[in-house]
Amino acid sequence: MIQARKRFGQHFLHDPAVLQRIVQVVAPVPGEHIVEIGPGQGALTALLLARAGRMDAVEIDRDLAALLRQRWPDTLTLHESDALKFDFEALARERGGPLRIVGNLPYNISTPLLFHLLDTVEHVLDMHVMLQKEVVERMAAEPGSDAYGRLTVMLAPRLDVQWLFDVGPGAFQPPPRVWSAVARLTVRPEPLFAIPEAYGRVVAAAFSQRRKTIRNSLRGLVAAEAWEATGVDPGARPEVLSPAQFAALAALAQPAAL
């Protein structure tokens, strides 16, 4: 049995009840384009294949990739690649339809990986992901809460986030030091609002200094007259603004900020 490697942030899910529960919420059927990120030793892969018949998987660990290819030579298409660099759009085009992504995402790259997947949501139906519980809490947070931040605001226009259930450390080998959670991210048919080009930059600037007022955080990005035009209180803290309010500010961002 191949041991988990710390440099890849590996924690192999082995609890049968949790594995079954994930498959039940994903509910894959033949003909869908299932892609598993980080299949590891294949515990979840086996259950997904039993339902879907065929699927793709992205695995960075060459030893695990070889093991998986040997186990399912005909029904699993294994892409030996870093998920942060993998072209999910190209895979969707190759498969001829949108992808359904499933994965126990490495916690050390979870946020950048979510942003990478966000860049290709036009080619994704949904994502069922296992993440550190704290990250799922941030993804599903409401304005005004301590967990609300950049990740929440960036995902909100394109993805409907559902916090499904929590998973304790004992479900993994080796056990992580934190609790995990499974979330469903469903791609919205249309964004909640038009997403200005400066949206990501404005959101990042606002939450880089979240203790400051939004006016001070966005000084140099948003002109003084924009506050009156958008109706956003410049004395408010970033964590109380809705995603739509960030979009309104971004739409009036200084040209130099683009």
C-alpha atoms as a PDB file:
ATOM      1  CA  MET A   1       0.000   0.000   0.000  1.00  0.00           C
ATOM      2  CA  ILE A   2       1.375   3.415  -0.984  1.00  0.00           C
ATOM      3  CA  GLN A   3       1.788   5.743   1.988  1.00  0.00           C
ATOM      4  CA  ALA A   4       0.446   9.305   2.060  1.00  0.00           C
ATOM      5  CA  ARG A   5       2.993  11.946   1.104  1.00  0.00           C
ATOM      6  CA  LYS A   6       3.098  15.128   3.129  1.00  0.00           C
ATOM      7  CA  ARG A   7       4.362  17.256   0.233  1.00  0.00           C
ATOM      8  CA  PHE A   8       1.151  16.529  -1.672  1.00  0.00           C
ATOM      9  CA  GLY A   9      -1.029  17.181   1.364  1.00  0.00           C
ATOM     10  CA  GLN A  10      -2.420  13.648   1.156  1.00  0.00           C
ATOM     11  CA  HIS A  11      -4.989  12.345   3.639  1.00  0.00           C
ATOM     12  CA  PHE A  12      -6.683   9.245   2.238  1.00  0.00           C
ATOM     13  CA  LEU A  13     -10.397   8.944   2.982  1.00  0.00           C
ATOM     14  CA  HIS A  14     -11.152   5.405   4.146  1.00  0.00           C
ATOM     15  CA  ASP A  15     -14.396   5.546   6.178  1.00  0.00           C
ATOM     16  CA  PRO A  16     -16.969   3.419   4.246  1.00  0.00           C
ATOM     17  CA  ALA A  17     -19.955   5.374   5.588  1.00  0.00           C
ATOM     18  CA  VAL A  18     -18.492   8.720   4.517  1.00  0.00           C
ATOM     19  CA  LEU A  19     -17.521   7.341   1.106  1.00  0.00           C
ATOM     20  CA  GLN A  20     -21.045   6.033   0.532  1.00  0.00           C
ATOM     21  CA  ARG A  21     -22.557   9.310   1.655  1.00  0.00           C
ATOM     22  CA  ILE A  22     -20.439  11.263  -0.836  1.00  0.00           C
ATOM     23  CA  VAL A  23     -21.482   8.987  -3.683  1.00  0.00           C
ATOM     24  CA  GLN A  24     -25.129   9.350  -2.663  1.00  0.00           C
ATOM     25  CA  VAL A  25     -25.002  13.155  -2.820  1.00  0.00           C
ATOM     26  CA  VAL A  26     -23.096  13.120  -6.118  1.00  0.00           C
ATOM     27  CA  ALA A  27     -25.488  10.502  -7.561  1.00  0.00           C
ATOM     28  CA  PRO A  28     -23.498   9.894 -10.769  1.00  0.00           C
ATOM     29  CA  VAL A  29     -25.119   8.125 -13.714  1.00  0.00           C
ATOM     30  CA  PRO A  30     -23.691   6.646 -16.922  1.00  0.00           C
ATOM     31  CA  GLY A  31     -23.083   9.227 -19.629  1.00  0.00           C
ATOM     32  CA  GLU A  32     -22.052  12.027 -17.282  1.00  0.00           C
ATOM     33  CA  HIS A  33     -18.510  13.375 -17.451  1.00  0.00           C
ATOM     34  CA  ILE A  34     -17.236  12.706 -13.936  1.00  0.00           C
ATOM     35  CA  VAL A  35     -13.765  13.987 -13.023  1.00  0.00           C
ATOM     36  CA  GLU A  36     -12.185  13.111  -9.687  1.00  0.00           C
ATOM     37  CA  ILE A  37      -9.407  15.351  -8.411  1.00  0.00           C
ATOM     38  CA  GLY A  38      -6.871  13.515  -6.257  1.00  0.00           C
ATOM     39  CA  PRO A  39      -8.252   9.956  -6.328  1.00  0.00           C
ATOM     40  CA  GLY A  40      -5.438   8.757  -4.050  1.00  0.00           C
ATOM     41  CA  GLN A  41      -5.710   5.019  -3.441  1.00  0.00           C
ATOM     42  CA  GLY A  42      -9.044   4.814  -5.281  1.00  0.00           C
ATOM     43  CA  ALA A  43     -11.528   4.265  -2.435  1.00  0.00           C
ATOM     44  CA  LEU A  44     -14.006   6.837  -3.769  1.00  0.00           C
ATOM     45  CA  THR A  45     -13.051   6.109  -7.376  1.00  0.00           C
ATOM     46  CA  ALA A  46     -14.311   2.540  -7.094  1.00  0.00           C
ATOM     47  CA  LEU A  47     -17.736   3.672  -5.911  1.00  0.00           C
ATOM     48  CA  LEU A  48     -18.020   6.399  -8.543  1.00  0.00           C
ATOM     49  CA  LEU A  49     -17.053   3.987 -11.324  1.00  0.00           C
ATOM     50  CA  ALA A  50     -19.644   1.480 -10.122  1.00  0.00           C
ATOM     51  CA  ARG A  51     -22.312   4.118 -10.781  1.00  0.00           C
ATOM     52  CA  ALA A  52     -20.890   6.060 -13.729  1.00  0.00           C
ATOM     53  CA  GLY A  53     -19.222   3.254 -15.683  1.00  0.00           C
ATOM     54  CA  ARG A  54     -16.431   5.505 -16.983  1.00  0.00           C
ATOM     55  CA  MET A  55     -14.690   8.614 -15.651  1.00  0.00           C
ATOM     56  CA  ASP A  56     -11.568  10.764 -15.621  1.00  0.00           C
ATOM     57  CA  ALA A  57      -9.225  11.443 -12.709  1.00  0.00           C
ATOM     58  CA  VAL A  58      -6.400  13.928 -12.115  1.00  0.00           C
ATOM     59  CA  GLU A  59      -3.585  12.655  -9.881  1.00  0.00           C
ATOM     60  CA  ILE A  60      -0.197  14.313  -9.286  1.00  0.00           C
ATOM     61  CA  ASP A  61       1.441  11.347  -7.517  1.00  0.00           C
ATOM     62  CA  ARG A  62       3.040   9.153 -10.191  1.00  0.00           C
ATOM     63  CA  ASP A  63       3.060   6.047  -7.991  1.00  0.00           C
ATOM     64  CA  LEU A  64      -0.644   6.357  -7.227  1.00  0.00           C
ATOM     65  CA  ALA A  65      -1.342   7.108 -10.890  1.00  0.00           C
ATOM     66  CA  ALA A  66       0.388   3.856 -11.898  1.00  0.00           C
ATOM     67  CA  LEU A  67      -1.609   1.932  -9.296  1.00  0.00           C
ATOM     68  CA  LEU A  68      -4.908   3.376 -10.525  1.00  0.00           C
ATOM     69  CA  ARG A  69      -4.109   2.699 -14.197  1.00  0.00           C
ATOM     70  CA  GLN A  70      -3.332  -0.901 -13.368  1.00  0.00           C
ATOM     71  CA  ARG A  71      -6.557  -1.307 -11.390  1.00  0.00           C
ATOM     72  CA  TRP A  72      -8.909   0.245 -13.973  1.00  0.00           C
ATOM     73  CA  PRO A  73      -7.142   0.144 -17.355  1.00  0.00           C
ATOM     74  CA  ASP A  74     -10.317   0.403 -19.438  1.00  0.00           C
ATOM     75  CA  THR A  75     -12.801   2.526 -17.490  1.00  0.00           C
ATOM     76  CA  LEU A  76     -10.631   5.178 -15.812  1.00  0.00           C
ATOM     77  CA  THR A  77      -8.779   7.782 -17.867  1.00  0.00           C
ATOM     78  CA  LEU A  78      -5.954   8.919 -15.608  1.00  0.00           C
ATOM     79  CA  HIS A  79      -4.357  12.336 -16.118  1.00  0.00           C
ATOM     80  CA  GLU A  80      -1.031  12.490 -14.294  1.00  0.00           C
ATOM     81  CA  SER A  81      -0.981  16.212 -13.612  1.00  0.00           C
ATOM     82  CA  ASP A  82      -1.052  18.989 -11.051  1.00  0.00           C
ATOM     83  CA  ALA A  83      -4.730  19.969 -10.703  1.00  0.00           C
ATOM     84  CA  LEU A  84      -3.663  23.614 -10.336  1.00  0.00           C
ATOM     85  CA  LYS A  85      -2.306  23.503 -13.884  1.00  0.00           C
ATOM     86  CA  PHE A  86      -4.743  21.047 -15.454  1.00  0.00           C
ATOM     87  CA  ASP A  87      -6.856  22.304 -18.387  1.00  0.00           C
ATOM     88  CA  PHE A  88     -10.396  21.361 -17.366  1.00  0.00           C
ATOM     89  CA  GLU A  89     -11.836  23.362 -20.260  1.00  0.00           C
ATOM     90  CA  ALA A  90      -9.911  21.266 -22.786  1.00  0.00           C
ATOM     91  CA  LEU A  91     -11.120  18.074 -21.109  1.00  0.00           C
ATOM     92  CA  ALA A  92     -14.753  19.246 -21.284  1.00  0.00           C
ATOM     93  CA  ARG A  93     -14.361  19.964 -24.991  1.00  0.00           C
ATOM     94  CA  GLU A  94     -12.772  16.565 -25.519  1.00  0.00           C
ATOM     95  CA  ARG A  95     -15.600  14.832 -23.659  1.00  0.00           C
ATOM     96  CA  GLY A  96     -18.234  16.829 -25.518  1.00  0.00           C
ATOM     97  CA  GLY A  97     -20.049  18.227 -22.491  1.00  0.00           C
ATOM     98  CA  PRO A  98     -19.753  19.881 -19.088  1.00  0.00           C
ATOM     99  CA  LEU A  99     -17.896  18.195 -16.265  1.00  0.00           C
ATOM    100  CA  ARG A 100     -19.032  17.064 -12.832  1.00  0.00           C
ATOM    101  CA  ILE A 101     -16.060  17.457 -10.507  1.00  0.00           C
ATOM    102  CA  VAL A 102     -15.570  15.403  -7.354  1.00  0.00           C
ATOM    103  CA  GLY A 103     -12.629  15.456  -5.002  1.00  0.00           C
ATOM    104  CA  ASN A 104     -11.026  15.298  -1.595  1.00  0.00           C
ATOM    105  CA  LEU A 105      -9.001  18.425  -2.300  1.00  0.00           C
ATOM    106  CA  PRO A 106      -5.546  18.822  -0.731  1.00  0.00           C
ATOM    107  CA  TYR A 107      -5.975  21.398   2.027  1.00  0.00           C
ATOM    108  CA  ASN A 108      -2.655  23.094   1.297  1.00  0.00           C
ATOM    109  CA  ILE A 109      -3.864  24.190  -2.169  1.00  0.00           C
ATOM    110  CA  SER A 110      -7.627  24.274  -1.686  1.00  0.00           C
ATOM    111  CA  THR A 111      -8.217  28.017  -2.151  1.00  0.00           C
ATOM    112  CA  PRO A 112      -6.010  28.486  -5.258  1.00  0.00           C
ATOM    113  CA  LEU A 113      -7.543  25.312  -6.719  1.00  0.00           C
ATOM    114  CA  LEU A 114     -11.059  26.697  -6.204  1.00  0.00           C
ATOM    115  CA  PHE A 115     -10.039  29.886  -8.006  1.00  0.00           C
ATOM    116  CA  HIS A 116      -8.547  27.808 -10.839  1.00  0.00           C
ATOM    117  CA  LEU A 117     -11.815  25.883 -11.184  1.00  0.00           C
ATOM    118  CA  LEU A 118     -13.758  29.152 -11.061  1.00  0.00           C
ATOM    119  CA  ASP A 119     -11.973  30.206 -14.259  1.00  0.00           C
ATOM    120  CA  THR A 120     -13.583  27.294 -16.141  1.00  0.00           C
ATOM    121  CA  VAL A 121     -17.091  27.184 -14.648  1.00  0.00           C
ATOM    122  CA  GLU A 122     -18.636  27.603 -18.101  1.00  0.00           C
ATOM    123  CA  HIS A 123     -17.571  24.002 -18.667  1.00  0.00           C
ATOM    124  CA  VAL A 124     -18.692  22.599 -15.302  1.00  0.00           C
ATOM    125  CA  LEU A 125     -22.111  21.505 -14.032  1.00  0.00           C
ATOM    126  CA  ASP A 126     -21.251  21.120 -10.370  1.00  0.00           C
ATOM    127  CA  MET A 127     -18.521  20.252  -7.897  1.00  0.00           C
ATOM    128  CA  HIS A 128     -18.711  18.050  -4.822  1.00  0.00           C
ATOM    129  CA  VAL A 129     -15.592  18.716  -2.800  1.00  0.00           C
ATOM    130  CA  MET A 130     -14.152  17.742   0.557  1.00  0.00           C
ATOM    131  CA  LEU A 131     -12.310  20.633   2.155  1.00  0.00           C
ATOM    132  CA  GLN A 132     -11.128  21.848   5.510  1.00  0.00           C
ATOM    133  CA  LYS A 133     -14.285  22.744   7.457  1.00  0.00           C
ATOM    134  CA  GLU A 134     -13.047  26.303   7.937  1.00  0.00           C
ATOM    135  CA  VAL A 135     -12.836  26.777   4.154  1.00  0.00           C
ATOM    136  CA  VAL A 136     -16.372  25.492   3.597  1.00  0.00           C
ATOM    137  CA  GLU A 137     -17.545  27.841   6.338  1.00  0.00           C
ATOM    138  CA  ARG A 138     -15.968  30.752   4.438  1.00  0.00           C
ATOM    139  CA  MET A 139     -17.459  29.630   1.137  1.00  0.00           C
ATOM    140  CA  ALA A 140     -20.999  29.520   2.551  1.00  0.00           C
ATOM    141  CA  ALA A 141     -20.752  32.583   4.820  1.00  0.00           C
ATOM    142  CA  GLU A 142     -23.248  35.438   4.916  1.00  0.00           C
ATOM    143  CA  PRO A 143     -22.284  39.146   4.891  1.00  0.00           C
ATOM    144  CA  GLY A 144     -21.504  40.395   8.369  1.00  0.00           C
ATOM    145  CA  SER A 145     -20.181  37.080   9.683  1.00  0.00           C
ATOM    146  CA  ASP A 146     -16.577  36.500  10.746  1.00  0.00           C
ATOM    147  CA  ALA A 147     -16.104  33.856   8.040  1.00  0.00           C
ATOM    148  CA  TYR A 148     -17.284  36.141   5.214  1.00  0.00           C
ATOM    149  CA  GLY A 149     -14.408  37.230   3.000  1.00  0.00           C
ATOM    150  CA  ARG A 150     -12.716  37.203  -0.368  1.00  0.00           C
ATOM    151  CA  LEU A 151     -13.456  33.542  -1.102  1.00  0.00           C
ATOM    152  CA  THR A 152     -17.166  34.008  -0.339  1.00  0.00           C
ATOM    153  CA  VAL A 153     -17.495  37.069  -2.552  1.00  0.00           C
ATOM    154  CA  MET A 154     -15.547  35.614  -5.472  1.00  0.00           C
ATOM    155  CA  LEU A 155     -17.587  32.396  -5.597  1.00  0.00           C
ATOM    156  CA  ALA A 156     -21.022  33.949  -5.026  1.00  0.00           C
ATOM    157  CA  PRO A 157     -21.824  35.314  -8.522  1.00  0.00           C
ATOM    158  CA  ARG A 158     -21.180  32.007 -10.326  1.00  0.00           C
ATOM    159  CA  LEU A 159     -21.697  29.254  -7.743  1.00  0.00           C
ATOM    160  CA  ASP A 160     -24.467  28.260  -5.358  1.00  0.00           C
ATOM    161  CA  VAL A 161     -22.665  26.841  -2.310  1.00  0.00           C
ATOM    162  CA  GLN A 162     -24.296  24.215  -0.087  1.00  0.00           C
ATOM    163  CA  TRP A 163     -22.590  22.975   3.075  1.00  0.00           C
ATOM    164  CA  LEU A 164     -23.651  19.305   3.084  1.00  0.00           C
ATOM    165  CA  PHE A 165     -22.027  17.572   6.057  1.00  0.00           C
ATOM    166  CA  ASP A 166     -18.946  17.505   8.295  1.00  0.00           C
ATOM    167  CA  VAL A 167     -16.339  14.754   8.484  1.00  0.00           C
ATOM    168  CA  GLY A 168     -14.115  14.051  11.486  1.00  0.00           C
ATOM    169  CA  PRO A 169     -10.342  13.445  11.336  1.00  0.00           C
ATOM    170  CA  GLY A 170     -10.754   9.707  12.005  1.00  0.00           C
ATOM    171  CA  ALA A 171     -12.231   9.175   8.534  1.00  0.00           C
ATOM    172  CA  PHE A 172      -8.779   9.709   7.002  1.00  0.00           C
ATOM    173  CA  GLN A 173      -5.407   8.022   7.014  1.00  0.00           C
ATOM    174  CA  PRO A 174      -3.346   9.740   8.250  1.00  0.00           C
ATOM    175  CA  PRO A 175      -5.907  11.807  10.173  1.00  0.00           C
ATOM    176  CA  PRO A 176      -5.627  15.577   9.624  1.00  0.00           C
ATOM    177  CA  ARG A 177      -5.496  17.922  12.591  1.00  0.00           C
ATOM    178  CA  VAL A 178      -8.757  19.614  11.621  1.00  0.00           C
ATOM    179  CA  TRP A 179     -12.337  18.697  10.782  1.00  0.00           C
ATOM    180  CA  SER A 180     -13.383  18.516   7.151  1.00  0.00           C
ATOM    181  CA  ALA A 181     -16.649  19.173   5.352  1.00  0.00           C
ATOM    182  CA  VAL A 182     -18.279  18.232   2.059  1.00  0.00           C
ATOM    183  CA  ALA A 183     -19.802  20.998  -0.047  1.00  0.00           C
ATOM    184  CA  ARG A 184     -21.823  21.079  -3.250  1.00  0.00           C
ATOM    185  CA  LEU A 185     -20.987  23.936  -5.613  1.00  0.00           C
ATOM    186  CA  THR A 186     -23.613  24.207  -8.333  1.00  0.00           C
ATOM    187  CA  VAL A 187     -22.798  26.427 -11.297  1.00  0.00           C
ATOM    188  CA  ARG A 188     -25.519  29.019 -11.813  1.00  0.00           C
ATOM    189  CA  PRO A 189     -27.095  29.055 -15.326  1.00  0.00           C
ATOM    190  CA  GLU A 190     -26.412  32.802 -15.354  1.00  0.00           C
ATOM    191  CA  PRO A 191     -24.298  34.882 -12.942  1.00  0.00           C
ATOM    192  CA  LEU A 192     -26.239  36.657 -10.195  1.00  0.00           C
ATOM    193  CA  PHE A 193     -25.105  39.951 -11.742  1.00  0.00           C
ATOM    194  CA  ALA A 194     -22.746  41.268 -14.404  1.00  0.00           C
ATOM    195  CA  ILE A 195     -19.178  40.721 -13.221  1.00  0.00           C
ATOM    196  CA  PRO A 196     -17.001  43.762 -14.013  1.00  0.00           C
ATOM    197  CA  GLU A 197     -13.433  43.246 -15.149  1.00  0.00           C
ATOM    198  CA  ALA A 198     -12.118  44.834 -11.943  1.00  0.00           C
ATOM    199  CA  TYR A 199     -14.272  42.674  -9.626  1.00  0.00           C
ATOM    200  CA  GLY A 200     -11.495  40.351  -8.481  1.00  0.00           C
ATOM    201  CA  ARG A 201      -9.037  43.170  -7.916  1.00  0.00           C
ATOM    202  CA  VAL A 202     -11.495  45.273  -5.919  1.00  0.00           C
ATOM    203  CA  VAL A 203     -12.499  42.294  -3.752  1.00  0.00           C
ATOM    204  CA  ALA A 204      -8.872  41.318  -3.105  1.00  0.00           C
ATOM    205  CA  ALA A 205      -7.940  44.896  -2.163  1.00  0.00           C
ATOM    206  CA  ALA A 206     -10.927  45.233   0.174  1.00  0.00           C
ATOM    207  CA  PHE A 207     -10.185  42.077   2.152  1.00  0.00           C
ATOM    208  CA  SER A 208      -6.435  42.549   2.254  1.00  0.00           C
ATOM    209  CA  GLN A 209      -7.148  45.211   4.874  1.00  0.00           C
ATOM    210  CA  ARG A 210     -10.466  44.090   6.289  1.00  0.00           C
ATOM    211  CA  ARG A 211     -10.027  46.020   9.547  1.00  0.00           C
ATOM    212  CA  LYS A 212     -10.078  49.271   7.592  1.00  0.00           C
ATOM    213  CA  THR A 213     -13.161  50.967   6.190  1.00  0.00           C
ATOM    214  CA  ILE A 214     -13.996  50.092   2.599  1.00  0.00           C
ATOM    215  CA  ARG A 215     -13.076  53.640   1.515  1.00  0.00           C
ATOM    216  CA  ASN A 216      -9.557  53.281   2.927  1.00  0.00           C
ATOM    217  CA  SER A 217      -9.134  49.761   1.571  1.00  0.00           C
ATOM    218  CA  LEU A 218     -10.082  50.878  -1.935  1.00  0.00           C
ATOM    219  CA  ARG A 219      -8.289  54.219  -1.922  1.00  0.00           C
ATOM    220  CA  GLY A 220      -6.754  54.678  -5.358  1.00  0.00           C
ATOM    221  CA  LEU A 221      -9.070  52.084  -6.897  1.00  0.00           C
ATOM    222  CA  VAL A 222     -12.467  53.713  -6.441  1.00  0.00           C
ATOM    223  CA  ALA A 223     -13.005  57.450  -6.988  1.00  0.00           C
ATOM    224  CA  ALA A 224     -14.780  59.560  -4.382  1.00  0.00           C
ATOM    225  CA  GLU A 225     -17.847  60.108  -6.589  1.00  0.00           C
ATOM    226  CA  ALA A 226     -18.405  56.338  -6.885  1.00  0.00           C
ATOM    227  CA  TRP A 227     -19.594  56.081  -3.300  1.00  0.00           C
ATOM    228  CA  GLU A 228     -22.592  58.305  -3.895  1.00  0.00           C
ATOM    229  CA  ALA A 229     -23.326  56.661  -7.236  1.00  0.00           C
ATOM    230  CA  THR A 230     -23.413  53.154  -5.768  1.00  0.00           C
ATOM    231  CA  GLY A 231     -25.019  53.995  -2.453  1.00  0.00           C
ATOM    232  CA  VAL A 232     -22.322  52.032  -0.603  1.00  0.00           C
ATOM    233  CA  ASP A 233     -21.413  53.468   2.785  1.00  0.00           C
ATOM    234  CA  PRO A 234     -17.691  54.326   2.526  1.00  0.00           C
ATOM    235  CA  GLY A 235     -17.377  54.000   6.299  1.00  0.00           C
ATOM    236  CA  ALA A 236     -18.516  50.372   6.283  1.00  0.00           C
ATOM    237  CA  ARG A 237     -16.198  47.404   6.774  1.00  0.00           C
ATOM    238  CA  PRO A 238     -15.651  45.088   3.784  1.00  0.00           C
ATOM    239  CA  GLU A 239     -17.314  42.116   5.502  1.00  0.00           C
ATOM    240  CA  VAL A 240     -20.748  43.782   5.547  1.00  0.00           C
ATOM    241  CA  LEU A 241     -20.904  44.483   1.796  1.00  0.00           C
ATOM    242  CA  SER A 242     -22.843  42.081  -0.424  1.00  0.00           C
ATOM    243  CA  PRO A 243     -21.239  40.625  -3.559  1.00  0.00           C
ATOM    244  CA  ALA A 244     -23.539  42.843  -5.664  1.00  0.00           C
ATOM    245  CA  GLN A 245     -22.228  45.933  -3.870  1.00  0.00           C
ATOM    246  CA  PHE A 246     -18.655  44.905  -4.651  1.00  0.00           C
ATOM    247  CA  ALA A 247     -19.693  44.544  -8.298  1.00  0.00           C
ATOM    248  CA  ALA A 248     -21.180  48.045  -8.279  1.00  0.00           C
ATOM    249  CA  LEU A 249     -17.927  49.471  -6.936  1.00  0.00           C
ATOM    250  CA  ALA A 250     -15.857  47.452  -9.410  1.00  0.00           C
ATOM    251  CA  ALA A 251     -17.924  48.769 -12.309  1.00  0.00           C
ATOM    252  CA  LEU A 252     -16.801  52.290 -11.363  1.00  0.00           C
ATOM    253  CA  ALA A 253     -13.187  51.417 -10.582  1.00  0.00           C
ATOM    254  CA  GLN A 254     -10.499  53.743 -11.879  1.00  0.00           C
ATOM    255  CA  PRO A 255      -9.277  52.743 -15.369  1.00  0.00           C
ATOM    256  CA  ALA A 256      -5.758  52.380 -13.997  1.00  0.00           C
ATOM    257  CA  ALA A 257      -7.025  49.629 -11.693  1.00  0.00           C
ATOM    258  CA  LEU A 258      -8.011  47.497 -14.632  1.00  0.00           C
END
